[in-house]
């Protein structure tokens, strides 16, 4: 049994009602649910939420909401792994035993069903515990600088001051779309950013964090361009 779990709590602060706010004419969470359905990877697509309105919107797009998440798992400080573990244990209590789970974020309008399918195949081919979306930094992080309290500049890694960019290792970051994982890894809360994981690399133009209203505006513009060009389903 394969589960898709979409965490979507109601208390987002920086962008209120972020998970169901209209994004290019559709509730944000709808893009993730559609990609999960189109992938045909899952026996069930579950939205884990503490919010009745989010639950109803999720159902309207074809997801299931078999329970409301307890308050202790809906605060600003709860991370993703305990939420996924809670869902798996709920299924155990129903006498159902999933083997693989994909945690798909509710705010990932660029997520594609092909990426979900191919990352699942990669996880199993690589015999990894996790596979998650990643993308490369556009600038060498070894050349990163910081602004001091005196409003001056320091390099984080001054040892790389004279190193040519082409001689520096590429660096990557979490693309924030989804995390495939084996159930035992989620249950044991094994760290995702570890040797247990294999990265599914996305091109940078298909990745955008949406944490602020500025991010939101940029993401909508990107979405419209990518949709028009045919790069999004």
C-alpha atoms as a PDB file:
ATOM      1  CA  UNK A   1       0.000   0.000   0.000  1.00  0.00           C
ATOM      2  CA  UNK A   2       1.300   3.432  -1.005  1.00  0.00           C
ATOM      3  CA  UNK A   3       0.083   6.590   0.685  1.00  0.00           C
ATOM      4  CA  UNK A   4       0.316  10.228  -0.286  1.00  0.00           C
ATOM      5  CA  UNK A   5       0.153  12.472   2.780  1.00  0.00           C
ATOM      6  CA  UNK A   6      -0.363  16.211   2.238  1.00  0.00           C
ATOM      7  CA  UNK A   7       0.235  18.206   5.457  1.00  0.00           C
ATOM      8  CA  UNK A   8      -1.930  21.344   5.513  1.00  0.00           C
ATOM      9  CA  UNK A   9      -2.426  22.998   8.869  1.00  0.00           C
ATOM     10  CA  UNK A  10      -4.688  26.007   9.220  1.00  0.00           C
ATOM     11  CA  UNK A  11      -2.498  28.390  11.208  1.00  0.00           C
ATOM     12  CA  UNK A  12      -0.069  29.785   8.622  1.00  0.00           C
ATOM     13  CA  UNK A  13       1.133  33.191   9.773  1.00  0.00           C
ATOM     14  CA  UNK A  14       3.135  34.872   7.007  1.00  0.00           C
ATOM     15  CA  UNK A  15       0.495  34.142   4.337  1.00  0.00           C
ATOM     16  CA  UNK A  16      -2.856  33.604   6.101  1.00  0.00           C
ATOM     17  CA  UNK A  17      -4.901  30.631   4.830  1.00  0.00           C
ATOM     18  CA  UNK A  18      -1.969  29.876   2.529  1.00  0.00           C
ATOM     19  CA  UNK A  19      -2.953  26.281   1.766  1.00  0.00           C
ATOM     20  CA  UNK A  20      -6.352  27.232   0.290  1.00  0.00           C
ATOM     21  CA  UNK A  21      -5.605  30.773  -0.924  1.00  0.00           C
ATOM     22  CA  UNK A  22      -6.364  31.215  -4.627  1.00  0.00           C
ATOM     23  CA  UNK A  23      -3.245  30.750  -6.758  1.00  0.00           C
ATOM     24  CA  UNK A  24      -3.755  31.537 -10.456  1.00  0.00           C
ATOM     25  CA  UNK A  25      -7.472  30.916 -10.018  1.00  0.00           C
ATOM     26  CA  UNK A  26      -7.383  27.727  -7.964  1.00  0.00           C
ATOM     27  CA  UNK A  27      -6.950  26.869  -4.292  1.00  0.00           C
ATOM     28  CA  UNK A  28      -3.238  26.257  -3.754  1.00  0.00           C
ATOM     29  CA  UNK A  29      -3.699  22.750  -2.336  1.00  0.00           C
ATOM     30  CA  UNK A  30      -5.527  21.689  -5.494  1.00  0.00           C
ATOM     31  CA  UNK A  31      -2.306  21.593  -7.524  1.00  0.00           C
ATOM     32  CA  UNK A  32      -0.715  19.038  -5.203  1.00  0.00           C
ATOM     33  CA  UNK A  33      -3.836  16.863  -5.061  1.00  0.00           C
ATOM     34  CA  UNK A  34      -4.154  16.886  -8.852  1.00  0.00           C
ATOM     35  CA  UNK A  35      -0.498  15.909  -9.336  1.00  0.00           C
ATOM     36  CA  UNK A  36      -0.906  13.041  -6.857  1.00  0.00           C
ATOM     37  CA  UNK A  37      -4.055  11.804  -8.612  1.00  0.00           C
ATOM     38  CA  UNK A  38      -2.493  12.110 -12.077  1.00  0.00           C
ATOM     39  CA  UNK A  39       0.561  10.105 -11.002  1.00  0.00           C
ATOM     40  CA  UNK A  40      -1.632   7.047 -10.258  1.00  0.00           C
ATOM     41  CA  UNK A  41       1.005   6.069  -7.695  1.00  0.00           C
ATOM     42  CA  UNK A  42      -1.208   5.953  -4.635  1.00  0.00           C
ATOM     43  CA  UNK A  43      -3.787   3.744  -3.035  1.00  0.00           C
ATOM     44  CA  UNK A  44      -4.920   6.707  -0.937  1.00  0.00           C
ATOM     45  CA  UNK A  45      -4.279  10.445  -0.955  1.00  0.00           C
ATOM     46  CA  UNK A  46      -4.659  11.863   2.554  1.00  0.00           C
ATOM     47  CA  UNK A  47      -4.681  15.477   3.691  1.00  0.00           C
ATOM     48  CA  UNK A  48      -3.535  15.853   7.294  1.00  0.00           C
ATOM     49  CA  UNK A  49      -5.093  19.041   8.639  1.00  0.00           C
ATOM     50  CA  UNK A  50      -6.461  20.522  11.834  1.00  0.00           C
ATOM     51  CA  UNK A  51      -8.778  22.849   9.908  1.00  0.00           C
ATOM     52  CA  UNK A  52     -12.351  22.011   8.843  1.00  0.00           C
ATOM     53  CA  UNK A  53     -12.368  24.450   5.911  1.00  0.00           C
ATOM     54  CA  UNK A  54      -9.123  23.059   4.502  1.00  0.00           C
ATOM     55  CA  UNK A  55     -10.594  19.571   4.895  1.00  0.00           C
ATOM     56  CA  UNK A  56     -13.629  20.486   2.795  1.00  0.00           C
ATOM     57  CA  UNK A  57     -11.535  22.118   0.069  1.00  0.00           C
ATOM     58  CA  UNK A  58      -9.235  19.074  -0.034  1.00  0.00           C
ATOM     59  CA  UNK A  59     -12.207  16.743  -0.425  1.00  0.00           C
ATOM     60  CA  UNK A  60     -13.558  18.849  -3.281  1.00  0.00           C
ATOM     61  CA  UNK A  61     -10.355  18.130  -5.222  1.00  0.00           C
ATOM     62  CA  UNK A  62     -10.556  14.375  -4.592  1.00  0.00           C
ATOM     63  CA  UNK A  63      -8.402  13.836  -1.498  1.00  0.00           C
ATOM     64  CA  UNK A  64      -9.486  12.020   1.664  1.00  0.00           C
ATOM     65  CA  UNK A  65      -9.521  13.555   5.137  1.00  0.00           C
ATOM     66  CA  UNK A  66     -10.236  10.595   7.434  1.00  0.00           C
ATOM     67  CA  UNK A  67      -9.282  12.478  10.625  1.00  0.00           C
ATOM     68  CA  UNK A  68      -8.474  15.964  11.885  1.00  0.00           C
ATOM     69  CA  UNK A  69      -4.923  16.355  13.094  1.00  0.00           C
ATOM     70  CA  UNK A  70      -4.603  16.836  16.877  1.00  0.00           C
ATOM     71  CA  UNK A  71      -3.688  20.308  18.109  1.00  0.00           C
ATOM     72  CA  UNK A  72      -0.321  19.197  19.466  1.00  0.00           C
ATOM     73  CA  UNK A  73       0.724  18.414  15.877  1.00  0.00           C
ATOM     74  CA  UNK A  74      -0.539  21.699  14.426  1.00  0.00           C
ATOM     75  CA  UNK A  75       1.681  24.313  16.056  1.00  0.00           C
ATOM     76  CA  UNK A  76       4.311  26.497  14.382  1.00  0.00           C
ATOM     77  CA  UNK A  77       7.072  24.318  15.825  1.00  0.00           C
ATOM     78  CA  UNK A  78       5.972  20.869  14.680  1.00  0.00           C
ATOM     79  CA  UNK A  79       8.118  19.481  11.866  1.00  0.00           C
ATOM     80  CA  UNK A  80       7.032  17.246   9.008  1.00  0.00           C
ATOM     81  CA  UNK A  81       8.267  13.868  10.266  1.00  0.00           C
ATOM     82  CA  UNK A  82       5.962  13.644  13.339  1.00  0.00           C
ATOM     83  CA  UNK A  83       2.968  14.528  11.151  1.00  0.00           C
ATOM     84  CA  UNK A  84       3.762  11.713   8.722  1.00  0.00           C
ATOM     85  CA  UNK A  85       4.371   9.291  11.582  1.00  0.00           C
ATOM     86  CA  UNK A  86       0.989  10.203  13.082  1.00  0.00           C
ATOM     87  CA  UNK A  87      -0.761   9.413   9.779  1.00  0.00           C
ATOM     88  CA  UNK A  88       1.001   6.061   9.417  1.00  0.00           C
ATOM     89  CA  UNK A  89       0.104   5.106  12.982  1.00  0.00           C
ATOM     90  CA  UNK A  90      -3.531   6.093  12.339  1.00  0.00           C
ATOM     91  CA  UNK A  91      -3.575   3.595   9.467  1.00  0.00           C
ATOM     92  CA  UNK A  92      -1.978   0.952  11.672  1.00  0.00           C
ATOM     93  CA  UNK A  93      -4.846   1.459  14.126  1.00  0.00           C
ATOM     94  CA  UNK A  94      -7.286   0.778  11.277  1.00  0.00           C
ATOM     95  CA  UNK A  95      -5.525  -2.495  10.465  1.00  0.00           C
ATOM     96  CA  UNK A  96      -3.903  -1.125   7.298  1.00  0.00           C
ATOM     97  CA  UNK A  97      -0.163  -1.239   6.778  1.00  0.00           C
ATOM     98  CA  UNK A  98       1.354   1.071   4.157  1.00  0.00           C
ATOM     99  CA  UNK A  99       4.847   0.272   2.951  1.00  0.00           C
ATOM    100  CA  UNK A 100       5.769   3.537   1.234  1.00  0.00           C
ATOM    101  CA  UNK A 101       4.637   7.099   1.801  1.00  0.00           C
ATOM    102  CA  UNK A 102       5.051  10.299  -0.158  1.00  0.00           C
ATOM    103  CA  UNK A 103       4.835  13.497   1.865  1.00  0.00           C
ATOM    104  CA  UNK A 104       3.655  16.060  -0.693  1.00  0.00           C
ATOM    105  CA  UNK A 105       3.548  19.695   0.351  1.00  0.00           C
ATOM    106  CA  UNK A 106       0.275  21.586  -0.098  1.00  0.00           C
ATOM    107  CA  UNK A 107       2.087  24.665  -1.426  1.00  0.00           C
ATOM    108  CA  UNK A 108       3.867  23.148  -4.417  1.00  0.00           C
ATOM    109  CA  UNK A 109       2.047  24.397  -7.545  1.00  0.00           C
ATOM    110  CA  UNK A 110       4.958  23.443  -9.818  1.00  0.00           C
ATOM    111  CA  UNK A 111       4.954  19.777  -8.771  1.00  0.00           C
ATOM    112  CA  UNK A 112       4.508  17.377 -11.679  1.00  0.00           C
ATOM    113  CA  UNK A 113       3.072  13.873 -11.698  1.00  0.00           C
ATOM    114  CA  UNK A 114       6.043  12.611 -13.746  1.00  0.00           C
ATOM    115  CA  UNK A 115       8.413  13.790 -11.017  1.00  0.00           C
ATOM    116  CA  UNK A 116       6.425  11.875  -8.388  1.00  0.00           C
ATOM    117  CA  UNK A 117       6.565   8.711 -10.503  1.00  0.00           C
ATOM    118  CA  UNK A 118      10.248   9.001 -11.408  1.00  0.00           C
ATOM    119  CA  UNK A 119      11.362   9.829  -7.860  1.00  0.00           C
ATOM    120  CA  UNK A 120       9.543   6.736  -6.606  1.00  0.00           C
ATOM    121  CA  UNK A 121      11.370   4.610  -9.166  1.00  0.00           C
ATOM    122  CA  UNK A 122      14.689   6.241  -8.233  1.00  0.00           C
ATOM    123  CA  UNK A 123      14.211   5.554  -4.522  1.00  0.00           C
ATOM    124  CA  UNK A 124      13.716   1.869  -5.187  1.00  0.00           C
ATOM    125  CA  UNK A 125      16.408   1.595  -7.835  1.00  0.00           C
ATOM    126  CA  UNK A 126      18.927   3.238  -5.495  1.00  0.00           C
ATOM    127  CA  UNK A 127      17.674   1.154  -2.538  1.00  0.00           C
ATOM    128  CA  UNK A 128      17.335   4.380  -0.557  1.00  0.00           C
ATOM    129  CA  UNK A 129      15.095   5.078   2.428  1.00  0.00           C
ATOM    130  CA  UNK A 130      14.038   8.453   1.024  1.00  0.00           C
ATOM    131  CA  UNK A 131      13.970  10.341  -2.257  1.00  0.00           C
ATOM    132  CA  UNK A 132      13.162  14.049  -2.259  1.00  0.00           C
ATOM    133  CA  UNK A 133      13.169  16.921  -4.724  1.00  0.00           C
ATOM    134  CA  UNK A 134      16.319  19.033  -4.825  1.00  0.00           C
ATOM    135  CA  UNK A 135      17.768  21.726  -7.034  1.00  0.00           C
ATOM    136  CA  UNK A 136      21.124  23.433  -7.387  1.00  0.00           C
ATOM    137  CA  UNK A 137      22.095  26.821  -6.029  1.00  0.00           C
ATOM    138  CA  UNK A 138      22.579  29.329  -8.843  1.00  0.00           C
ATOM    139  CA  UNK A 139      25.704  30.802  -7.201  1.00  0.00           C
ATOM    140  CA  UNK A 140      28.577  28.973  -5.474  1.00  0.00           C
ATOM    141  CA  UNK A 141      27.773  28.856  -1.760  1.00  0.00           C
ATOM    142  CA  UNK A 142      31.512  28.760  -1.047  1.00  0.00           C
ATOM    143  CA  UNK A 143      31.577  32.422  -2.162  1.00  0.00           C
ATOM    144  CA  UNK A 144      28.718  33.468   0.132  1.00  0.00           C
ATOM    145  CA  UNK A 145      29.158  36.617   2.176  1.00  0.00           C
ATOM    146  CA  UNK A 146      27.512  37.967   5.310  1.00  0.00           C
ATOM    147  CA  UNK A 147      26.913  41.470   6.609  1.00  0.00           C
ATOM    148  CA  UNK A 148      28.384  42.035  10.064  1.00  0.00           C
ATOM    149  CA  UNK A 149      26.865  44.035  12.913  1.00  0.00           C
ATOM    150  CA  UNK A 150      29.179  46.888  11.842  1.00  0.00           C
ATOM    151  CA  UNK A 151      27.620  46.819   8.345  1.00  0.00           C
ATOM    152  CA  UNK A 152      30.769  45.352   6.814  1.00  0.00           C
ATOM    153  CA  UNK A 153      31.336  42.230   4.728  1.00  0.00           C
ATOM    154  CA  UNK A 154      32.862  38.875   5.668  1.00  0.00           C
ATOM    155  CA  UNK A 155      33.111  35.693   3.638  1.00  0.00           C
ATOM    156  CA  UNK A 156      31.678  32.549   5.181  1.00  0.00           C
ATOM    157  CA  UNK A 157      34.513  30.573   3.553  1.00  0.00           C
ATOM    158  CA  UNK A 158      37.484  32.905   2.983  1.00  0.00           C
ATOM    159  CA  UNK A 159      39.639  29.938   2.029  1.00  0.00           C
ATOM    160  CA  UNK A 160      37.802  29.889  -1.322  1.00  0.00           C
ATOM    161  CA  UNK A 161      38.451  33.545  -2.170  1.00  0.00           C
ATOM    162  CA  UNK A 162      40.883  32.727  -4.974  1.00  0.00           C
ATOM    163  CA  UNK A 163      39.302  29.447  -6.131  1.00  0.00           C
ATOM    164  CA  UNK A 164      37.788  29.502  -9.604  1.00  0.00           C
ATOM    165  CA  UNK A 165      34.012  28.956  -9.678  1.00  0.00           C
ATOM    166  CA  UNK A 166      34.387  25.977 -12.027  1.00  0.00           C
ATOM    167  CA  UNK A 167      36.650  24.281  -9.486  1.00  0.00           C
ATOM    168  CA  UNK A 168      34.078  24.464  -6.681  1.00  0.00           C
ATOM    169  CA  UNK A 169      31.671  21.627  -5.945  1.00  0.00           C
ATOM    170  CA  UNK A 170      28.062  22.159  -6.974  1.00  0.00           C
ATOM    171  CA  UNK A 171      25.712  22.628  -4.037  1.00  0.00           C
ATOM    172  CA  UNK A 172      22.032  21.787  -3.753  1.00  0.00           C
ATOM    173  CA  UNK A 173      19.050  22.569  -1.557  1.00  0.00           C
ATOM    174  CA  UNK A 174      15.671  21.046  -0.788  1.00  0.00           C
ATOM    175  CA  UNK A 175      13.155  22.023  -3.490  1.00  0.00           C
ATOM    176  CA  UNK A 176      10.256  21.726  -1.046  1.00  0.00           C
ATOM    177  CA  UNK A 177       7.877  19.693  -3.217  1.00  0.00           C
ATOM    178  CA  UNK A 178       7.747  16.136  -1.902  1.00  0.00           C
ATOM    179  CA  UNK A 179       9.557  13.411   0.065  1.00  0.00           C
ATOM    180  CA  UNK A 180       9.119   9.762  -0.800  1.00  0.00           C
ATOM    181  CA  UNK A 181      10.052   7.406   1.998  1.00  0.00           C
ATOM    182  CA  UNK A 182       9.880   3.868   3.289  1.00  0.00           C
ATOM    183  CA  UNK A 183       7.451   3.502   6.163  1.00  0.00           C
ATOM    184  CA  UNK A 184      10.068   2.185   8.581  1.00  0.00           C
ATOM    185  CA  UNK A 185      12.181   5.302   7.971  1.00  0.00           C
ATOM    186  CA  UNK A 186       9.269   7.616   8.737  1.00  0.00           C
ATOM    187  CA  UNK A 187       8.240   5.589  11.787  1.00  0.00           C
ATOM    188  CA  UNK A 188      11.788   5.662  13.181  1.00  0.00           C
ATOM    189  CA  UNK A 189      12.039   9.387  12.315  1.00  0.00           C
ATOM    190  CA  UNK A 190      15.266   8.853  10.381  1.00  0.00           C
ATOM    191  CA  UNK A 191      16.691  12.183   9.176  1.00  0.00           C
ATOM    192  CA  UNK A 192      15.827  12.905   5.554  1.00  0.00           C
ATOM    193  CA  UNK A 193      18.938  14.995   4.887  1.00  0.00           C
ATOM    194  CA  UNK A 194      21.338  12.103   5.329  1.00  0.00           C
ATOM    195  CA  UNK A 195      22.962   9.191   3.558  1.00  0.00           C
ATOM    196  CA  UNK A 196      19.563   7.462   3.702  1.00  0.00           C
ATOM    197  CA  UNK A 197      18.266   9.704   0.914  1.00  0.00           C
ATOM    198  CA  UNK A 198      18.785  10.047  -2.808  1.00  0.00           C
ATOM    199  CA  UNK A 199      18.027  13.449  -4.414  1.00  0.00           C
ATOM    200  CA  UNK A 200      15.640  13.853  -7.327  1.00  0.00           C
ATOM    201  CA  UNK A 201      17.124  16.864  -9.102  1.00  0.00           C
ATOM    202  CA  UNK A 202      14.787  19.484 -10.562  1.00  0.00           C
ATOM    203  CA  UNK A 203      15.757  22.385 -12.843  1.00  0.00           C
ATOM    204  CA  UNK A 204      15.890  25.666 -10.940  1.00  0.00           C
ATOM    205  CA  UNK A 205      13.105  27.270 -12.975  1.00  0.00           C
ATOM    206  CA  UNK A 206      10.618  24.715 -11.621  1.00  0.00           C
ATOM    207  CA  UNK A 207      11.384  25.568  -7.988  1.00  0.00           C
ATOM    208  CA  UNK A 208      10.085  28.466  -5.900  1.00  0.00           C
ATOM    209  CA  UNK A 209       9.672  28.707  -2.134  1.00  0.00           C
ATOM    210  CA  UNK A 210       6.417  30.444  -1.222  1.00  0.00           C
ATOM    211  CA  UNK A 211       6.877  31.844   2.270  1.00  0.00           C
ATOM    212  CA  UNK A 212       6.048  35.539   1.771  1.00  0.00           C
ATOM    213  CA  UNK A 213       3.635  37.575  -0.347  1.00  0.00           C
ATOM    214  CA  UNK A 214       6.601  38.579  -2.518  1.00  0.00           C
ATOM    215  CA  UNK A 215       7.317  34.877  -3.113  1.00  0.00           C
ATOM    216  CA  UNK A 216       3.652  34.348  -3.940  1.00  0.00           C
ATOM    217  CA  UNK A 217       3.601  37.061  -6.601  1.00  0.00           C
ATOM    218  CA  UNK A 218       6.808  35.740  -8.164  1.00  0.00           C
ATOM    219  CA  UNK A 219       5.454  32.186  -8.160  1.00  0.00           C
ATOM    220  CA  UNK A 220       2.221  33.208  -9.896  1.00  0.00           C
ATOM    221  CA  UNK A 221       4.170  35.003 -12.622  1.00  0.00           C
ATOM    222  CA  UNK A 222       6.461  31.995 -13.051  1.00  0.00           C
ATOM    223  CA  UNK A 223       3.484  29.631 -13.168  1.00  0.00           C
ATOM    224  CA  UNK A 224       1.730  31.637 -15.881  1.00  0.00           C
ATOM    225  CA  UNK A 225       4.858  31.695 -18.056  1.00  0.00           C
ATOM    226  CA  UNK A 226       5.614  28.006 -17.568  1.00  0.00           C
ATOM    227  CA  UNK A 227       2.002  27.026 -18.229  1.00  0.00           C
ATOM    228  CA  UNK A 228       1.924  29.066 -21.418  1.00  0.00           C
ATOM    229  CA  UNK A 229       5.208  27.529 -22.594  1.00  0.00           C
ATOM    230  CA  UNK A 230       3.884  24.001 -22.009  1.00  0.00           C
ATOM    231  CA  UNK A 231       6.418  23.099 -19.301  1.00  0.00           C
ATOM    232  CA  UNK A 232       3.663  22.492 -16.728  1.00  0.00           C
ATOM    233  CA  UNK A 233       0.889  19.952 -17.112  1.00  0.00           C
END
